[in-house]
């Protein structure tokens, strides 16, 4: 289960022309070290998308578990950021 996603053609970045899956605040949208966009899990539709995606993998492919990537970046707003970032 991803905590972040890339900004490429065909990705979820600016899906509807503006920040939909990523944070609307540019300082929170992009991870400074990885250059990837972080999901705005505070939005119900984004949290539902991530949860439904996980449930799809469990149901469809009968996986035994899901790996959560970059969990600290999801939990801590200041993870891997300097003061004031």
N, C-alpha and C. Protein backbone atom coordinates (compact mmCIF):
# COMPACT_ATOMS: atom_id res chain seq x y z
N UNK A 1 0.85 -1.16 0.00
CA UNK A 1 0.00 0.00 0.00
C UNK A 1 0.90 1.23 0.00
N UNK A 2 0.76 2.08 -0.96
CA UNK A 2 1.67 3.22 -1.07
C UNK A 2 1.28 4.37 -0.13
N UNK A 3 2.28 5.10 0.30
CA UNK A 3 2.07 6.31 1.09
C UNK A 3 2.29 7.53 0.21
N UNK A 4 2.82 7.30 -0.98
CA UNK A 4 3.16 8.40 -1.87
C UNK A 4 3.06 7.92 -3.31
N UNK A 5 3.10 8.86 -4.24
CA UNK A 5 3.02 8.49 -5.65
C UNK A 5 3.82 9.48 -6.47
N UNK A 6 4.20 9.05 -7.65
CA UNK A 6 5.03 9.86 -8.53
C UNK A 6 4.18 10.81 -9.37
N UNK A 7 4.80 11.88 -9.80
CA UNK A 7 4.14 12.85 -10.66
C UNK A 7 4.61 12.60 -12.09
N UNK A 8 3.89 11.72 -12.77
CA UNK A 8 4.20 11.37 -14.15
C UNK A 8 2.91 11.42 -14.96
N UNK A 9 3.02 11.36 -16.26
CA UNK A 9 1.81 11.30 -17.07
C UNK A 9 1.08 10.00 -16.75
N UNK A 10 -0.20 10.08 -16.56
CA UNK A 10 -0.98 8.92 -16.21
C UNK A 10 -1.06 8.65 -14.72
N UNK A 11 -0.42 9.49 -13.91
CA UNK A 11 -0.46 9.27 -12.46
C UNK A 11 -1.66 10.03 -11.86
N UNK A 12 -1.79 9.96 -10.56
CA UNK A 12 -2.89 10.62 -9.87
C UNK A 12 -2.62 12.10 -9.62
N UNK A 13 -1.43 12.59 -9.96
CA UNK A 13 -1.07 13.99 -9.73
C UNK A 13 -2.00 14.92 -10.50
N UNK A 14 -2.58 15.90 -9.79
CA UNK A 14 -3.50 16.87 -10.40
C UNK A 14 -4.54 16.15 -11.26
N UNK A 15 -5.09 15.10 -10.72
CA UNK A 15 -5.99 14.21 -11.45
C UNK A 15 -7.16 14.95 -12.11
N UNK A 16 -7.75 15.90 -11.39
CA UNK A 16 -8.87 16.66 -11.95
C UNK A 16 -8.48 18.09 -12.29
N UNK A 17 -7.19 18.33 -12.47
CA UNK A 17 -6.70 19.66 -12.81
C UNK A 17 -6.14 20.40 -11.61
N UNK A 18 -6.38 19.93 -10.43
CA UNK A 18 -5.87 20.54 -9.20
C UNK A 18 -5.48 19.45 -8.23
N UNK A 19 -5.05 19.82 -7.05
CA UNK A 19 -4.66 18.80 -6.08
C UNK A 19 -5.88 18.05 -5.55
N UNK A 20 -5.98 16.80 -5.92
CA UNK A 20 -7.11 15.98 -5.48
C UNK A 20 -6.63 14.90 -4.52
N UNK A 21 -5.67 14.10 -4.95
CA UNK A 21 -5.13 13.04 -4.10
C UNK A 21 -3.99 13.55 -3.23
N UNK A 22 -3.26 14.56 -3.71
CA UNK A 22 -2.15 15.12 -2.95
C UNK A 22 -2.66 16.31 -2.11
N UNK A 23 -1.84 16.75 -1.18
CA UNK A 23 -2.19 17.90 -0.34
C UNK A 23 -2.28 19.16 -1.19
N UNK A 24 -3.19 20.06 -0.84
CA UNK A 24 -3.29 21.32 -1.57
C UNK A 24 -2.18 22.29 -1.16
N UNK A 25 -1.61 22.11 0.04
CA UNK A 25 -0.48 22.92 0.50
C UNK A 25 0.79 22.38 -0.15
N UNK A 26 1.47 23.18 -0.99
CA UNK A 26 2.66 22.66 -1.69
C UNK A 26 3.76 22.16 -0.76
N UNK A 27 3.87 22.71 0.45
CA UNK A 27 4.90 22.25 1.38
C UNK A 27 4.59 20.85 1.91
N UNK A 28 3.33 20.48 1.94
CA UNK A 28 2.96 19.14 2.41
C UNK A 28 2.77 18.17 1.25
N UNK A 29 2.57 18.68 0.04
CA UNK A 29 2.26 17.82 -1.10
C UNK A 29 3.46 16.99 -1.55
N UNK A 30 4.63 17.61 -1.59
CA UNK A 30 5.81 16.93 -2.15
C UNK A 30 6.79 16.60 -1.03
N UNK A 31 7.26 15.35 -1.02
CA UNK A 31 8.26 14.96 -0.03
C UNK A 31 9.61 15.52 -0.48
N UNK A 32 10.31 16.25 0.41
CA UNK A 32 11.53 16.95 -0.01
C UNK A 32 12.67 16.03 -0.44
N UNK A 33 12.79 14.87 0.15
CA UNK A 33 13.90 13.99 -0.20
C UNK A 33 13.58 13.14 -1.43
N UNK A 34 12.38 12.60 -1.50
CA UNK A 34 12.03 11.67 -2.55
C UNK A 34 11.48 12.34 -3.80
N UNK A 35 10.95 13.57 -3.67
CA UNK A 35 10.37 14.26 -4.82
C UNK A 35 9.04 13.67 -5.26
N UNK A 36 8.43 12.85 -4.40
CA UNK A 36 7.15 12.25 -4.72
C UNK A 36 6.04 13.02 -4.03
N UNK A 37 4.83 12.82 -4.49
CA UNK A 37 3.68 13.46 -3.88
C UNK A 37 3.12 12.54 -2.80
N UNK A 38 2.64 13.14 -1.71
CA UNK A 38 2.08 12.37 -0.61
C UNK A 38 0.57 12.47 -0.64
N UNK A 39 -0.09 11.36 -0.37
CA UNK A 39 -1.55 11.35 -0.31
C UNK A 39 -2.04 12.26 0.81
N UNK A 40 -3.13 12.94 0.56
CA UNK A 40 -3.81 13.73 1.59
C UNK A 40 -4.84 12.82 2.25
N UNK A 41 -4.37 12.03 3.22
CA UNK A 41 -5.23 11.04 3.85
C UNK A 41 -6.29 11.67 4.75
N UNK A 42 -6.20 12.98 4.96
CA UNK A 42 -7.23 13.69 5.71
C UNK A 42 -8.51 13.86 4.92
N UNK A 43 -8.44 13.69 3.63
CA UNK A 43 -9.64 13.77 2.78
C UNK A 43 -10.29 12.40 2.73
N UNK A 44 -11.56 12.36 3.00
CA UNK A 44 -12.27 11.08 3.07
C UNK A 44 -12.17 10.28 1.77
N UNK A 45 -12.31 10.96 0.64
CA UNK A 45 -12.28 10.23 -0.64
C UNK A 45 -10.90 9.64 -0.91
N UNK A 46 -9.84 10.31 -0.46
CA UNK A 46 -8.48 9.79 -0.65
C UNK A 46 -8.25 8.58 0.26
N UNK A 47 -8.66 8.70 1.52
CA UNK A 47 -8.53 7.58 2.45
C UNK A 47 -9.34 6.38 1.96
N UNK A 48 -10.53 6.64 1.44
CA UNK A 48 -11.35 5.55 0.89
C UNK A 48 -10.68 4.90 -0.30
N UNK A 49 -10.05 5.69 -1.17
CA UNK A 49 -9.35 5.16 -2.33
C UNK A 49 -8.22 4.22 -1.90
N UNK A 50 -7.41 4.65 -0.92
CA UNK A 50 -6.29 3.84 -0.46
C UNK A 50 -6.81 2.56 0.20
N UNK A 51 -7.83 2.68 1.03
CA UNK A 51 -8.40 1.51 1.70
C UNK A 51 -9.03 0.55 0.70
N UNK A 52 -9.81 1.08 -0.24
CA UNK A 52 -10.44 0.22 -1.24
C UNK A 52 -9.41 -0.48 -2.12
N UNK A 53 -8.30 0.20 -2.40
CA UNK A 53 -7.23 -0.41 -3.18
C UNK A 53 -6.64 -1.60 -2.41
N UNK A 54 -6.41 -1.42 -1.12
CA UNK A 54 -5.87 -2.51 -0.30
C UNK A 54 -6.85 -3.67 -0.24
N UNK A 55 -8.12 -3.37 -0.04
CA UNK A 55 -9.13 -4.42 0.04
C UNK A 55 -9.27 -5.17 -1.28
N UNK A 56 -9.10 -4.47 -2.40
CA UNK A 56 -9.14 -5.10 -3.72
C UNK A 56 -8.03 -6.15 -3.83
N UNK A 57 -6.80 -5.79 -3.43
CA UNK A 57 -5.69 -6.73 -3.51
C UNK A 57 -5.93 -7.94 -2.62
N UNK A 58 -6.48 -7.71 -1.44
CA UNK A 58 -6.76 -8.82 -0.53
C UNK A 58 -7.83 -9.74 -1.10
N UNK A 59 -8.88 -9.17 -1.65
CA UNK A 59 -9.99 -9.96 -2.17
C UNK A 59 -9.65 -10.63 -3.50
N UNK A 60 -9.11 -9.87 -4.42
CA UNK A 60 -8.90 -10.36 -5.78
C UNK A 60 -7.72 -11.33 -5.89
N UNK A 61 -6.63 -11.02 -5.20
CA UNK A 61 -5.41 -11.80 -5.35
C UNK A 61 -5.09 -12.64 -4.12
N UNK A 62 -5.92 -12.56 -3.10
CA UNK A 62 -5.76 -13.38 -1.90
C UNK A 62 -4.37 -13.26 -1.28
N UNK A 63 -3.84 -12.05 -1.26
CA UNK A 63 -2.53 -11.84 -0.66
C UNK A 63 -2.63 -12.04 0.85
N UNK A 64 -1.53 -12.40 1.47
CA UNK A 64 -1.51 -12.65 2.92
C UNK A 64 -1.31 -11.37 3.72
N UNK A 65 -0.81 -10.33 3.09
CA UNK A 65 -0.56 -9.08 3.81
C UNK A 65 -0.18 -7.99 2.83
N UNK A 66 -0.11 -6.80 3.34
CA UNK A 66 0.25 -5.63 2.52
C UNK A 66 1.42 -4.92 3.18
N UNK A 67 2.35 -4.49 2.39
CA UNK A 67 3.49 -3.72 2.90
C UNK A 67 3.13 -2.25 2.80
N UNK A 68 3.28 -1.56 3.90
CA UNK A 68 3.01 -0.12 3.92
C UNK A 68 4.36 0.59 3.77
N UNK A 69 4.51 1.30 2.68
CA UNK A 69 5.76 1.99 2.37
C UNK A 69 5.76 3.38 2.99
N UNK A 70 6.88 3.79 3.54
CA UNK A 70 7.08 5.14 4.07
C UNK A 70 6.07 5.51 5.15
N UNK A 71 5.82 4.60 6.05
CA UNK A 71 4.85 4.84 7.11
C UNK A 71 5.19 6.07 7.96
N UNK A 72 6.45 6.31 8.35
CA UNK A 72 6.73 7.51 9.12
C UNK A 72 6.33 8.80 8.41
N UNK A 73 6.45 8.83 7.09
CA UNK A 73 6.05 10.02 6.34
C UNK A 73 4.53 10.22 6.40
N UNK A 74 3.79 9.14 6.62
CA UNK A 74 2.34 9.24 6.74
C UNK A 74 1.93 9.72 8.14
N UNK A 75 2.72 9.34 9.14
CA UNK A 75 2.35 9.61 10.53
C UNK A 75 2.87 10.94 11.06
N UNK A 76 4.05 11.35 10.62
CA UNK A 76 4.69 12.53 11.18
C UNK A 76 4.83 13.62 10.13
N UNK A 77 4.25 14.78 10.40
CA UNK A 77 4.29 15.88 9.43
C UNK A 77 5.71 16.39 9.21
N UNK A 78 6.57 16.28 10.21
CA UNK A 78 7.92 16.80 10.10
C UNK A 78 8.95 15.73 9.70
N UNK A 79 8.49 14.54 9.31
CA UNK A 79 9.42 13.46 8.98
C UNK A 79 10.33 13.86 7.83
N UNK A 80 11.63 13.77 8.07
CA UNK A 80 12.66 14.04 7.06
C UNK A 80 12.59 15.45 6.51
N UNK A 81 12.08 16.39 7.32
CA UNK A 81 12.02 17.79 6.93
C UNK A 81 12.81 18.61 7.93
N UNK A 82 13.42 19.66 7.45
CA UNK A 82 14.16 20.55 8.33
C UNK A 82 13.23 21.53 9.02
N UNK A 83 13.75 22.30 9.97
CA UNK A 83 12.93 23.31 10.65
C UNK A 83 12.30 24.30 9.66
N UNK A 84 11.03 24.50 9.78
CA UNK A 84 10.32 25.44 8.91
C UNK A 84 9.85 24.87 7.59
N UNK A 85 10.18 23.62 7.31
CA UNK A 85 9.74 23.01 6.05
C UNK A 85 8.36 22.40 6.21
